[in-house]
C-alpha atoms as a PDB file:
ATOM      1  CA  MET A   1     102.947 112.347  95.636  1.00  0.00           C
ATOM      2  CA  ALA A   2     101.186 114.710  93.286  1.00  0.00           C
ATOM      3  CA  LEU A   3     102.219 114.555  89.646  1.00  0.00           C
ATOM      4  CA  ASP A   4     101.467 117.060  86.954  1.00  0.00           C
ATOM      5  CA  TRP A   5     102.604 115.812  83.589  1.00  0.00           C
ATOM      6  CA  ALA A   6     105.256 118.012  82.055  1.00  0.00           C
ATOM      7  CA  THR A   7     104.897 118.888  78.404  1.00  0.00           C
ATOM      8  CA  ALA A   8     107.751 118.705  75.974  1.00  0.00           C
ATOM      9  CA  THR A   9     108.474 118.601  72.276  1.00  0.00           C
ATOM     10  CA  PRO A  10     108.645 115.160  70.819  1.00  0.00           C
ATOM     11  CA  GLU A  11     112.166 115.889  69.639  1.00  0.00           C
ATOM     12  CA  SER A  12     113.350 116.640  73.192  1.00  0.00           C
ATOM     13  CA  GLN A  13     112.229 113.188  74.175  1.00  0.00           C
ATOM     14  CA  GLY A  14     113.606 111.248  71.269  1.00  0.00           C
ATOM     15  CA  MET A  15     110.513 111.277  69.059  1.00  0.00           C
ATOM     16  CA  SER A  16     109.496 112.859  65.755  1.00  0.00           C
ATOM     17  CA  SER A  17     106.826 115.555  65.592  1.00  0.00           C
ATOM     18  CA  ALA A  18     106.310 114.960  61.911  1.00  0.00           C
ATOM     19  CA  SER A  19     105.700 111.250  62.454  1.00  0.00           C
ATOM     20  CA  LEU A  20     103.252 111.826  65.281  1.00  0.00           C
ATOM     21  CA  ASP A  21     101.408 114.508  63.260  1.00  0.00           C
ATOM     22  CA  LYS A  22     101.121 112.007  60.418  1.00  0.00           C
ATOM     23  CA  ALA A  23      99.731 109.329  62.831  1.00  0.00           C
ATOM     24  CA  TRP A  24      97.082 111.804  64.097  1.00  0.00           C
ATOM     25  CA  SER A  25      96.162 112.819  60.541  1.00  0.00           C
ATOM     26  CA  GLU A  26      95.159 109.247  59.967  1.00  0.00           C
ATOM     27  CA  LEU A  27      93.650 108.610  63.389  1.00  0.00           C
ATOM     28  CA  LYS A  28      91.408 111.616  63.323  1.00  0.00           C
ATOM     29  CA  THR A  29      89.682 110.245  60.173  1.00  0.00           C
ATOM     30  CA  ARG A  30      89.217 106.888  61.891  1.00  0.00           C
ATOM     31  CA  ASN A  31      86.779 107.565  64.701  1.00  0.00           C
ATOM     32  CA  THR A  32      89.417 108.604  67.242  1.00  0.00           C
ATOM     33  CA  THR A  33      88.286 110.832  70.104  1.00  0.00           C
ATOM     34  CA  GLY A  34      91.594 110.879  71.919  1.00  0.00           C
ATOM     35  CA  PHE A  35      95.274 110.166  71.278  1.00  0.00           C
ATOM     36  CA  LEU A  36      97.880 110.679  74.033  1.00  0.00           C
ATOM     37  CA  VAL A  37     101.572 109.879  73.945  1.00  0.00           C
ATOM     38  CA  ILE A  38     103.760 110.260  77.020  1.00  0.00           C
ATOM     39  CA  ARG A  39     107.456 109.634  77.219  1.00  0.00           C
ATOM     40  CA  ASN A  40     109.755 110.147  80.216  1.00  0.00           C
ATOM     41  CA  ASP A  41     106.768 111.542  82.158  1.00  0.00           C
ATOM     42  CA  CYS A  42     106.294 114.245  79.494  1.00  0.00           C
ATOM     43  CA  ILE A  43     103.230 114.659  77.339  1.00  0.00           C
ATOM     44  CA  VAL A  44     104.854 114.856  73.887  1.00  0.00           C
ATOM     45  CA  PHE A  45     101.704 114.610  71.824  1.00  0.00           C
ATOM     46  CA  GLU A  46      97.931 114.759  72.462  1.00  0.00           C
ATOM     47  CA  ARG A  47      95.032 115.402  70.219  1.00  0.00           C
ATOM     48  CA  TYR A  48      91.287 115.140  70.769  1.00  0.00           C
ATOM     49  CA  ALA A  49      88.106 115.299  68.666  1.00  0.00           C
ATOM     50  CA  ASP A  50      85.678 118.110  69.265  1.00  0.00           C
ATOM     51  CA  GLY A  51      84.041 117.800  72.699  1.00  0.00           C
ATOM     52  CA  TRP A  52      86.802 115.625  74.130  1.00  0.00           C
ATOM     53  CA  ASP A  53      89.915 116.331  76.209  1.00  0.00           C
ATOM     54  CA  ARG A  54      92.385 114.527  78.419  1.00  0.00           C
ATOM     55  CA  HIS A  55      90.143 114.671  81.511  1.00  0.00           C
ATOM     56  CA  LYS A  56      86.791 113.555  79.979  1.00  0.00           C
ATOM     57  CA  PRO A  57      85.988 109.895  80.812  1.00  0.00           C
ATOM     58  CA  HIS A  58      85.502 107.519  77.935  1.00  0.00           C
ATOM     59  CA  GLY A  59      83.973 104.009  78.074  1.00  0.00           C
ATOM     60  CA  THR A  60      86.616 101.366  78.531  1.00  0.00           C
ATOM     61  CA  ALA A  61      84.820  98.332  77.133  1.00  0.00           C
ATOM     62  CA  SER A  62      87.174  95.425  77.758  1.00  0.00           C
ATOM     63  CA  MET A  63      90.117  97.663  78.581  1.00  0.00           C
ATOM     64  CA  ALA A  64      88.562  97.310  82.061  1.00  0.00           C
ATOM     65  CA  LYS A  65      89.922  93.803  82.125  1.00  0.00           C
ATOM     66  CA  ALA A  66      93.358  95.412  82.673  1.00  0.00           C
ATOM     67  CA  LEU A  67      92.451  98.647  84.400  1.00  0.00           C
ATOM     68  CA  VAL A  68      89.985  97.100  86.821  1.00  0.00           C
ATOM     69  CA  GLY A  69      90.469  93.343  86.821  1.00  0.00           C
ATOM     70  CA  GLY A  70      94.236  93.218  86.424  1.00  0.00           C
ATOM     71  CA  THR A  71      94.932  96.151  88.704  1.00  0.00           C
ATOM     72  CA  SER A  72      92.651  95.000  91.507  1.00  0.00           C
ATOM     73  CA  LEU A  73      94.268  91.561  91.296  1.00  0.00           C
ATOM     74  CA  ILE A  74      97.713  93.142  91.669  1.00  0.00           C
ATOM     75  CA  VAL A  75      96.506  94.943  94.824  1.00  0.00           C
ATOM     76  CA  ALA A  76      95.051  91.783  96.302  1.00  0.00           C
ATOM     77  CA  MET A  77      98.219  89.854  95.448  1.00  0.00           C
ATOM     78  CA  SER A  78     100.373  92.639  96.954  1.00  0.00           C
ATOM     79  CA  ASP A  79      98.352  92.297 100.164  1.00  0.00           C
ATOM     80  CA  GLY A  80      98.798  88.453 100.237  1.00  0.00           C
ATOM     81  CA  LYS A  81      95.032  87.936  99.887  1.00  0.00           C
ATOM     82  CA  VAL A  82      95.238  86.088  96.533  1.00  0.00           C
ATOM     83  CA  ARG A  83      97.901  84.072  94.760  1.00  0.00           C
ATOM     84  CA  PRO A  84      97.794  83.209  91.068  1.00  0.00           C
ATOM     85  CA  ASP A  85      97.773  79.513  91.630  1.00  0.00           C
ATOM     86  CA  ASP A  86      95.062  79.525  94.276  1.00  0.00           C
ATOM     87  CA  LEU A  87      92.131  77.415  93.277  1.00  0.00           C
ATOM     88  CA  ALA A  88      89.138  79.664  92.537  1.00  0.00           C
ATOM     89  CA  SER A  89      87.134  77.257  94.606  1.00  0.00           C
ATOM     90  CA  LYS A  90      88.897  78.689  97.669  1.00  0.00           C
ATOM     91  CA  PHE A  91      86.689  81.747  97.084  1.00  0.00           C
ATOM     92  CA  VAL A  92      83.792  80.081  95.294  1.00  0.00           C
ATOM     93  CA  PRO A  93      82.421  77.281  97.553  1.00  0.00           C
ATOM     94  CA  GLN A  94      79.907  76.316  94.885  1.00  0.00           C
ATOM     95  CA  TRP A  95      82.767  75.005  92.775  1.00  0.00           C
ATOM     96  CA  ARG A  96      84.607  72.874  95.365  1.00  0.00           C
ATOM     97  CA  ASP A  97      83.076  69.579  94.267  1.00  0.00           C
ATOM     98  CA  VAL A  98      82.162  70.331  90.683  1.00  0.00           C
ATOM     99  CA  PRO A  99      84.573  69.082  87.939  1.00  0.00           C
ATOM    100  CA  PRO A 100      86.176  70.718  86.064  1.00  0.00           C
ATOM    101  CA  LYS A 101      85.340  74.026  87.847  1.00  0.00           C
ATOM    102  CA  LYS A 102      87.076  72.790  90.970  1.00  0.00           C
ATOM    103  CA  GLU A 103      90.377  72.782  88.930  1.00  0.00           C
ATOM    104  CA  ILE A 104      90.158  76.441  87.802  1.00  0.00           C
ATOM    105  CA  THR A 105      92.744  78.745  89.332  1.00  0.00           C
ATOM    106  CA  ILE A 106      93.046  82.491  89.637  1.00  0.00           C
ATOM    107  CA  ARG A 107      95.725  82.362  86.881  1.00  0.00           C
ATOM    108  CA  HIS A 108      93.281  80.624  84.551  1.00  0.00           C
ATOM    109  CA  LEU A 109      90.600  83.231  85.163  1.00  0.00           C
ATOM    110  CA  ALA A 110      93.087  86.138  84.633  1.00  0.00           C
ATOM    111  CA  THR A 111      94.463  84.742  81.377  1.00  0.00           C
ATOM    112  CA  HIS A 112      91.299  83.528  79.626  1.00  0.00           C
ATOM    113  CA  THR A 113      92.325  79.881  79.979  1.00  0.00           C
ATOM    114  CA  SER A 114      89.710  78.731  82.487  1.00  0.00           C
ATOM    115  CA  GLY A 115      87.647  77.069  79.745  1.00  0.00           C
ATOM    116  CA  ILE A 116      84.492  78.968  80.826  1.00  0.00           C
ATOM    117  CA  GLU A 117      82.410  79.704  77.725  1.00  0.00           C
ATOM    118  CA  ASP A 118      82.190  83.290  76.615  1.00  0.00           C
ATOM    119  CA  ALA A 119      78.934  85.232  76.551  1.00  0.00           C
ATOM    120  CA  GLU A 120      79.397  85.941  72.828  1.00  0.00           C
ATOM    121  CA  GLN A 121      78.201  84.198  69.693  1.00  0.00           C
ATOM    122  CA  ASP A 122      79.604  84.953  66.293  1.00  0.00           C
ATOM    123  CA  ASP A 123      78.952  88.648  65.481  1.00  0.00           C
ATOM    124  CA  ILE A 124      75.534  88.780  67.148  1.00  0.00           C
ATOM    125  CA  ALA A 125      74.923  92.012  69.035  1.00  0.00           C
ATOM    126  CA  HIS A 126      74.673  91.621  72.844  1.00  0.00           C
ATOM    127  CA  ASP A 127      71.074  92.705  72.940  1.00  0.00           C
ATOM    128  CA  LYS A 128      70.180  90.095  70.295  1.00  0.00           C
ATOM    129  CA  LEU A 129      71.756  87.101  72.067  1.00  0.00           C
ATOM    130  CA  ALA A 130      69.414  84.464  73.422  1.00  0.00           C
ATOM    131  CA  GLY A 131      69.506  82.484  76.708  1.00  0.00           C
ATOM    132  CA  TRP A 132      72.177  82.975  79.356  1.00  0.00           C
ATOM    133  CA  LYS A 133      74.493  84.778  76.997  1.00  0.00           C
ATOM    134  CA  GLY A 134      71.934  87.524  76.362  1.00  0.00           C
ATOM    135  CA  ASP A 135      71.086  87.684  80.089  1.00  0.00           C
ATOM    136  CA  PHE A 136      74.782  88.176  80.967  1.00  0.00           C
ATOM    137  CA  TRP A 137      74.777  91.541  79.189  1.00  0.00           C
ATOM    138  CA  LYS A 138      71.395  92.745  80.488  1.00  0.00           C
ATOM    139  CA  ARG A 139      72.698  93.150  84.078  1.00  0.00           C
ATOM    140  CA  LEU A 140      69.463  91.710  85.555  1.00  0.00           C
ATOM    141  CA  ALA A 141      68.710  91.222  89.212  1.00  0.00           C
ATOM    142  CA  VAL A 142      70.048  88.222  91.133  1.00  0.00           C
ATOM    143  CA  PRO A 143      69.911  85.293  90.288  1.00  0.00           C
ATOM    144  CA  ASN A 144      69.973  86.333  86.656  1.00  0.00           C
ATOM    145  CA  ASP A 145      72.861  88.692  87.125  1.00  0.00           C
ATOM    146  CA  PRO A 146      76.109  88.215  85.200  1.00  0.00           C
ATOM    147  CA  PHE A 147      78.063  86.927  88.254  1.00  0.00           C
ATOM    148  CA  THR A 148      75.546  84.233  89.177  1.00  0.00           C
ATOM    149  CA  ILE A 149      75.320  83.273  85.484  1.00  0.00           C
ATOM    150  CA  SER A 150      79.144  83.035  85.269  1.00  0.00           C
ATOM    151  CA  ARG A 151      79.350  80.969  88.426  1.00  0.00           C
ATOM    152  CA  ASP A 152      76.407  78.582  87.965  1.00  0.00           C
ATOM    153  CA  VAL A 153      75.308  78.554  84.378  1.00  0.00           C
ATOM    154  CA  ALA A 154      78.160  79.199  81.920  1.00  0.00           C
ATOM    155  CA  PRO A 155      79.650  75.804  80.968  1.00  0.00           C
ATOM    156  CA  VAL A 156      83.326  74.945  80.976  1.00  0.00           C
ATOM    157  CA  LEU A 157      84.347  73.862  77.540  1.00  0.00           C
ATOM    158  CA  PHE A 158      87.714  72.173  78.234  1.00  0.00           C
ATOM    159  CA  ALA A 159      90.079  71.299  80.965  1.00  0.00           C
ATOM    160  CA  PRO A 160      91.370  74.524  82.600  1.00  0.00           C
ATOM    161  CA  GLY A 161      94.752  75.714  81.416  1.00  0.00           C
ATOM    162  CA  LYS A 162      94.829  73.689  78.231  1.00  0.00           C
ATOM    163  CA  LYS A 163      94.205  76.512  75.755  1.00  0.00           C
ATOM    164  CA  GLU A 164      92.953  80.054  75.392  1.00  0.00           C
ATOM    165  CA  HIS A 165      89.286  80.899  75.144  1.00  0.00           C
ATOM    166  CA  TYR A 166      88.468  84.581  75.674  1.00  0.00           C
ATOM    167  CA  SER A 167      85.858  84.744  78.446  1.00  0.00           C
ATOM    168  CA  ASN A 168      83.936  87.667  79.839  1.00  0.00           C
ATOM    169  CA  PRO A 169      82.260  85.295  82.396  1.00  0.00           C
ATOM    170  CA  GLY A 170      85.775  84.122  83.345  1.00  0.00           C
ATOM    171  CA  MET A 171      86.826  87.689  84.016  1.00  0.00           C
ATOM    172  CA  ALA A 172      83.566  88.161  86.030  1.00  0.00           C
ATOM    173  CA  MET A 173      84.585  85.273  88.210  1.00  0.00           C
ATOM    174  CA  LEU A 174      88.060  86.800  88.673  1.00  0.00           C
ATOM    175  CA  GLY A 175      86.347  89.863  90.132  1.00  0.00           C
ATOM    176  CA  TYR A 176      84.087  87.620  92.240  1.00  0.00           C
ATOM    177  CA  CYS A 177      87.140  85.756  93.670  1.00  0.00           C
ATOM    178  CA  ILE A 178      89.049  89.033  94.461  1.00  0.00           C
ATOM    179  CA  THR A 179      85.976  90.406  96.199  1.00  0.00           C
ATOM    180  CA  ALA A 180      85.538  87.271  98.285  1.00  0.00           C
ATOM    181  CA  ALA A 181      89.187  87.583  99.287  1.00  0.00           C
ATOM    182  CA  LEU A 182      88.593  91.155 100.473  1.00  0.00           C
ATOM    183  CA  LYS A 183      85.806  90.187 102.824  1.00  0.00           C
ATOM    184  CA  GLY A 184      86.322  91.739 106.270  1.00  0.00           C
ATOM    185  CA  SER A 185      89.021  94.092 105.032  1.00  0.00           C
ATOM    186  CA  ALA A 186      88.888  97.912 105.051  1.00  0.00           C
ATOM    187  CA  ASP A 187      87.905  97.864 101.359  1.00  0.00           C
ATOM    188  CA  GLU A 188      85.314  95.247 100.654  1.00  0.00           C
ATOM    189  CA  ASP A 189      84.553  96.058  97.053  1.00  0.00           C
ATOM    190  CA  LEU A 190      86.763  96.722  94.032  1.00  0.00           C
ATOM    191  CA  ARG A 191      85.857 100.407  93.622  1.00  0.00           C
ATOM    192  CA  SER A 192      86.810 101.179  97.204  1.00  0.00           C
ATOM    193  CA  LEU A 193      89.948  99.097  96.795  1.00  0.00           C
ATOM    194  CA  LEU A 194      91.053 100.916  93.671  1.00  0.00           C
ATOM    195  CA  LYS A 195      90.093 104.329  94.987  1.00  0.00           C
ATOM    196  CA  HIS A 196      92.052 104.061  98.225  1.00  0.00           C
ATOM    197  CA  ARG A 197      95.015 101.978  97.048  1.00  0.00           C
ATOM    198  CA  VAL A 198      95.556 103.178  93.476  1.00  0.00           C
ATOM    199  CA  MET A 199      93.462 105.989  92.024  1.00  0.00           C
ATOM    200  CA  ASP A 200      93.656 108.539  94.882  1.00  0.00           C
ATOM    201  CA  PRO A 201      97.357 108.008  95.447  1.00  0.00           C
ATOM    202  CA  ILE A 202      98.233 108.488  91.782  1.00  0.00           C
ATOM    203  CA  GLY A 203      96.161 111.664  91.515  1.00  0.00           C
ATOM    204  CA  ALA A 204      93.361 110.334  89.273  1.00  0.00           C
ATOM    205  CA  ALA A 205      90.409 112.674  89.861  1.00  0.00           C
ATOM    206  CA  GLU A 206      87.308 110.819  91.104  1.00  0.00           C
ATOM    207  CA  THR A 207      85.324 112.547  88.345  1.00  0.00           C
ATOM    208  CA  GLU A 208      87.547 110.918  85.751  1.00  0.00           C
ATOM    209  CA  TRP A 209      86.956 107.231  86.383  1.00  0.00           C
ATOM    210  CA  SER A 210      84.187 104.817  87.252  1.00  0.00           C
ATOM    211  CA  ILE A 211      83.821 101.019  87.217  1.00  0.00           C
ATOM    212  CA  GLY A 212      81.281  98.276  87.216  1.00  0.00           C
ATOM    213  CA  TYR A 213      78.598 100.123  85.145  1.00  0.00           C
ATOM    214  CA  GLY A 214      78.363 102.454  88.166  1.00  0.00           C
ATOM    215  CA  LYS A 215      77.140 100.127  90.888  1.00  0.00           C
ATOM    216  CA  PRO A 216      77.843  96.822  92.645  1.00  0.00           C
ATOM    217  CA  VAL A 217      75.661  93.735  92.603  1.00  0.00           C
ATOM    218  CA  LEU A 218      75.120  91.937  95.945  1.00  0.00           C
ATOM    219  CA  VAL A 219      75.625  88.222  95.314  1.00  0.00           C
ATOM    220  CA  ASP A 220      75.721  85.974  98.428  1.00  0.00           C
ATOM    221  CA  GLY A 221      76.708  89.017 100.511  1.00  0.00           C
ATOM    222  CA  LEU A 222      79.543  90.048  98.119  1.00  0.00           C
ATOM    223  CA  PRO A 223      79.367  93.505  96.579  1.00  0.00           C
ATOM    224  CA  VAL A 224      80.713  92.472  93.168  1.00  0.00           C
ATOM    225  CA  LEU A 225      81.540  94.888  90.391  1.00  0.00           C
ATOM    226  CA  ALA A 226      82.138  94.200  86.684  1.00  0.00           C
ATOM    227  CA  THR A 227      85.735  93.581  85.730  1.00  0.00           C
ATOM    228  CA  TRP A 228      85.078  92.655  82.084  1.00  0.00           C
ATOM    229  CA  GLY A 229      83.753  96.052  80.988  1.00  0.00           C
ATOM    230  CA  GLY A 230      81.590  98.806  82.373  1.00  0.00           C
ATOM    231  CA  GLY A 231      84.435 101.180  83.151  1.00  0.00           C
ATOM    232  CA  SER A 232      84.807 104.829  82.139  1.00  0.00           C
ATOM    233  CA  TYR A 233      88.276 106.323  82.351  1.00  0.00           C
ATOM    234  CA  SER A 234      89.719 109.581  81.080  1.00  0.00           C
ATOM    235  CA  ALA A 235      92.886 109.403  79.007  1.00  0.00           C
ATOM    236  CA  ASP A 236      94.650 110.986  81.974  1.00  0.00           C
ATOM    237  CA  ALA A 237      93.436 108.414  84.473  1.00  0.00           C
ATOM    238  CA  THR A 238      94.298 105.530  82.083  1.00  0.00           C
ATOM    239  CA  ALA A 239      97.813 106.989  81.566  1.00  0.00           C
ATOM    240  CA  ARG A 240      98.360 107.299  85.328  1.00  0.00           C
ATOM    241  CA  VAL A 241      97.516 103.641  85.821  1.00  0.00           C
ATOM    242  CA  GLY A 242      99.888 102.819  83.002  1.00  0.00           C
ATOM    243  CA  ARG A 243     102.630 104.859  84.630  1.00  0.00           C
ATOM    244  CA  LEU A 244     102.173 103.047  87.955  1.00  0.00           C
ATOM    245  CA  MET A 245     102.529  99.705  86.226  1.00  0.00           C
ATOM    246  CA  MET A 246     105.534 100.860  84.177  1.00  0.00           C
ATOM    247  CA  ARG A 247     107.249 101.820  87.432  1.00  0.00           C
ATOM    248  CA  SER A 248     106.486  98.505  89.097  1.00  0.00           C
ATOM    249  CA  GLY A 249     104.006 100.034  91.551  1.00  0.00           C
ATOM    250  CA  ASN A 250     106.109 102.953  92.639  1.00  0.00           C
ATOM    251  CA  TRP A 251     104.618 106.439  92.569  1.00  0.00           C
ATOM    252  CA  GLN A 252     106.822 109.416  93.194  1.00  0.00           C
ATOM    253  CA  GLY A 253     109.064 107.423  95.525  1.00  0.00           C
ATOM    254  CA  LYS A 254     106.230 105.587  97.438  1.00  0.00           C
ATOM    255  CA  GLN A 255     105.828 101.910  96.749  1.00  0.00           C
ATOM    256  CA  LEU A 256     102.013 101.549  96.445  1.00  0.00           C
ATOM    257  CA  LEU A 257     102.167  97.979  95.170  1.00  0.00           C
ATOM    258  CA  ASP A 258     104.562  95.095  95.516  1.00  0.00           C
ATOM    259  CA  ALA A 259     107.071  95.570  92.692  1.00  0.00           C
ATOM    260  CA  ASP A 260     107.514  91.829  92.078  1.00  0.00           C
ATOM    261  CA  VAL A 261     103.774  91.383  91.845  1.00  0.00           C
ATOM    262  CA  VAL A 262     103.414  94.179  89.260  1.00  0.00           C
ATOM    263  CA  ARG A 263     106.199  92.712  87.203  1.00  0.00           C
ATOM    264  CA  THR A 264     104.644  89.260  87.456  1.00  0.00           C
ATOM    265  CA  ALA A 265     101.213  90.547  86.289  1.00  0.00           C
ATOM    266  CA  THR A 266     102.590  92.485  83.308  1.00  0.00           C
ATOM    267  CA  ARG A 267     104.753  89.691  81.961  1.00  0.00           C
ATOM    268  CA  PHE A 268     104.027  86.358  80.244  1.00  0.00           C
ATOM    269  CA  ALA A 269     101.955  84.319  82.691  1.00  0.00           C
ATOM    270  CA  GLY A 270     103.000  80.929  81.379  1.00  0.00           C
ATOM    271  CA  MET A 271      99.693  80.016  79.795  1.00  0.00           C
ATOM    272  CA  PRO A 272      99.003  79.124  76.084  1.00  0.00           C
ATOM    273  CA  ASN A 273      98.374  82.693  74.980  1.00  0.00           C
ATOM    274  CA  ARG A 274      99.896  86.211  75.133  1.00  0.00           C
ATOM    275  CA  SER A 275      98.643  87.142  78.544  1.00  0.00           C
ATOM    276  CA  GLY A 276      99.911  88.458  81.771  1.00  0.00           C
ATOM    277  CA  LEU A 277      97.475  88.548  84.704  1.00  0.00           C
ATOM    278  CA  GLY A 278      94.680  90.686  83.319  1.00  0.00           C
ATOM    279  CA  TRP A 279      97.025  92.484  80.976  1.00  0.00           C
ATOM    280  CA  TRP A 280      98.087  91.434  77.451  1.00  0.00           C
ATOM    281  CA  VAL A 281     101.882  91.128  76.791  1.00  0.00           C
ATOM    282  CA  ASN A 282     103.803  91.489  73.636  1.00  0.00           C
ATOM    283  CA  HIS A 283     106.493  88.849  74.065  1.00  0.00           C
ATOM    284  CA  ASN A 284     106.364  85.072  74.351  1.00  0.00           C
ATOM    285  CA  PRO A 285     109.260  82.952  75.512  1.00  0.00           C
ATOM    286  CA  ASP A 286     109.262  81.321  72.056  1.00  0.00           C
ATOM    287  CA  GLY A 287     110.573  84.653  70.674  1.00  0.00           C
ATOM    288  CA  THR A 288     107.367  85.643  68.837  1.00  0.00           C
ATOM    289  CA  LYS A 289     105.680  88.994  69.399  1.00  0.00           C
ATOM    290  CA  ALA A 290     102.165  90.247  69.034  1.00  0.00           C
ATOM    291  CA  TRP A 291     103.251  93.590  67.676  1.00  0.00           C
ATOM    292  CA  LYS A 292     106.468  93.405  65.692  1.00  0.00           C
ATOM    293  CA  ASP A 293     107.390  97.071  66.083  1.00  0.00           C
ATOM    294  CA  ALA A 294     106.888  97.279  69.869  1.00  0.00           C
ATOM    295  CA  PRO A 295     109.580  96.318  72.366  1.00  0.00           C
ATOM    296  CA  ASP A 296     109.484  92.944  74.022  1.00  0.00           C
ATOM    297  CA  ASP A 297     108.457  94.304  77.418  1.00  0.00           C
ATOM    298  CA  ALA A 298     105.339  96.140  76.133  1.00  0.00           C
ATOM    299  CA  PHE A 299     102.037  95.326  77.762  1.00  0.00           C
ATOM    300  CA  SER A 300      98.532  96.612  77.168  1.00  0.00           C
ATOM    301  CA  GLY A 301      94.818  96.648  77.808  1.00  0.00           C
ATOM    302  CA  SER A 302      92.239  97.080  75.045  1.00  0.00           C
ATOM    303  CA  GLY A 303      88.551  96.944  74.438  1.00  0.00           C
ATOM    304  CA  ALA A 304      85.757  97.135  71.917  1.00  0.00           C
ATOM    305  CA  GLY A 305      85.983 100.233  69.768  1.00  0.00           C
ATOM    306  CA  GLN A 306      89.800  99.785  70.046  1.00  0.00           C
ATOM    307  CA  GLN A 307      90.101 101.506  73.370  1.00  0.00           C
ATOM    308  CA  PHE A 308      93.719 101.006  74.031  1.00  0.00           C
ATOM    309  CA  VAL A 309      96.557 101.611  76.446  1.00  0.00           C
ATOM    310  CA  MET A 310     100.106 100.340  75.892  1.00  0.00           C
ATOM    311  CA  VAL A 311     103.073 100.672  78.234  1.00  0.00           C
ATOM    312  CA  ALA A 312     106.615 100.114  77.087  1.00  0.00           C
ATOM    313  CA  PRO A 313     108.830 100.295  80.143  1.00  0.00           C
ATOM    314  CA  SER A 314     112.137 100.088  78.182  1.00  0.00           C
ATOM    315  CA  LEU A 315     111.129 103.135  76.222  1.00  0.00           C
ATOM    316  CA  LYS A 316     109.461 104.949  79.144  1.00  0.00           C
ATOM    317  CA  LEU A 317     106.525 105.311  76.826  1.00  0.00           C
ATOM    318  CA  ILE A 318     102.775 105.296  77.379  1.00  0.00           C
ATOM    319  CA  ILE A 319     100.118 105.418  74.560  1.00  0.00           C
ATOM    320  CA  VAL A 320      96.373 105.895  75.054  1.00  0.00           C
ATOM    321  CA  ARG A 321      93.844 105.796  72.224  1.00  0.00           C
ATOM    322  CA  ASN A 322      90.044 106.183  72.604  1.00  0.00           C
ATOM    323  CA  GLY A 323      87.255 106.163  70.077  1.00  0.00           C
ATOM    324  CA  ALA A 324      85.375 103.692  67.893  1.00  0.00           C
ATOM    325  CA  MET A 325      86.478 100.937  65.446  1.00  0.00           C
ATOM    326  CA  MET A 326      89.039 102.282  63.081  1.00  0.00           C
ATOM    327  CA  ASP A 327      88.890  99.876  60.191  1.00  0.00           C
ATOM    328  CA  ALA A 328      86.222  97.227  59.641  1.00  0.00           C
ATOM    329  CA  LYS A 329      88.504  95.402  57.267  1.00  0.00           C
ATOM    330  CA  LEU A 330      91.068  94.680  60.005  1.00  0.00           C
ATOM    331  CA  SER A 331      90.898  92.671  63.150  1.00  0.00           C
ATOM    332  CA  HIS A 332      90.727  94.344  66.537  1.00  0.00           C
ATOM    333  CA  SER A 333      94.456  93.836  67.139  1.00  0.00           C
ATOM    334  CA  GLY A 334      95.374  94.475  63.460  1.00  0.00           C
ATOM    335  CA  GLY A 335      93.743  97.877  63.477  1.00  0.00           C
ATOM    336  CA  ILE A 336      95.505  98.883  66.683  1.00  0.00           C
ATOM    337  CA  GLU A 337      98.828  97.748  65.299  1.00  0.00           C
ATOM    338  CA  SER A 338      98.339  99.447  61.905  1.00  0.00           C
ATOM    339  CA  TYR A 339      97.045 102.829  63.111  1.00  0.00           C
ATOM    340  CA  VAL A 340      98.465 103.237  66.632  1.00  0.00           C
ATOM    341  CA  ILE A 341     101.381 100.971  67.564  1.00  0.00           C
ATOM    342  CA  SER A 342     103.424 100.919  64.377  1.00  0.00           C
ATOM    343  CA  PRO A 343     103.084 104.665  63.666  1.00  0.00           C
ATOM    344  CA  VAL A 344     104.121 105.607  67.237  1.00  0.00           C
ATOM    345  CA  MET A 345     106.971 103.158  67.246  1.00  0.00           C
ATOM    346  CA  LYS A 346     108.224 104.617  63.977  1.00  0.00           C
ATOM    347  CA  ALA A 347     108.107 108.074  65.644  1.00  0.00           C
ATOM    348  CA  VAL A 348     110.643 106.918  68.202  1.00  0.00           C
ATOM    349  CA  THR A 349     113.981 108.297  66.998  1.00  0.00           C
ATOM    350  CA  ASN A 350     116.031 107.511  70.131  1.00  0.00           C
ATOM    351  CA  ARG A 351     115.320 104.156  71.805  1.00  0.00           C
ATOM    352  CA  ASP A 352     117.931 104.852  74.492  1.00  0.00           C
ATOM    353  CA  GLN A 353     116.424 108.118  75.643  1.00  0.00           C
ATOM    354  CA  LYS A 354     116.712 108.571  79.450  1.00  0.00           C
END
């Protein structure tokens, strides 16, 4: 099942060298450490800042919500251990008689619609936050760890499923629920699960990825790992995960994950935002799109510093960008659209390339 990416000219894969060169000329002035474009399993363009290359891990920030949270959820769903509409209280006994927490589902946690308050406040740096929000980011010992805080301290602001509220503690509880579902199985923590079921089979070198800030936290006997951040993935490892999702869980002819589950997780999840299950999606049933130049079926993961992976199955296209914030005048999504998505989409000269 080994895969070594082929290399090809952009033109041979229906893309423009001049347009990609122009995109990189801008990106390299905007705190970009890595820029990788793959089409039809061919690397058509890659550029890195000094000291970086395709195999050097880079912090994921919240891109871990897709690479770790979304991907581990897909594995657990493929195995029948978790369903999107399971109540989280099935895995969190402390919530079973606590309204409105007893109404929260796995789908709510995976789409930022649980109502659990985020551990953020305005633009205050994490190390300057007070109270439970500050403690969440310090990764203190139990019971002041981020998982216990997310489970027992973070309040629920509204009835689950009613609207979007981005929530790092909500994503922490997704990881908690998945880990509880794994209890007694061959892989009882998310790193082991991802290693054996995803990363080893797709050829991601063990030196090129890590999760959970490097170690689990033992909470009520569960070895939980961060799913909201704390990952470090090389551009190559990120692209391989993207390829697996693009191919509905199939890797070189072997079905590693349930195809229907992968498609479900990387499409609109039916909640009041642009989310799949752990992954962001471009298209809503109302016909609107997050990124006007990207195809409807595009899905992505992204994190602070505009770490970014986008997969466009209809174009057989994968984009990875790593670095720091590109433009303080633009929003997180606006910067990614302006400097990554739109330039790459304009470089596509043949949308029907096979």
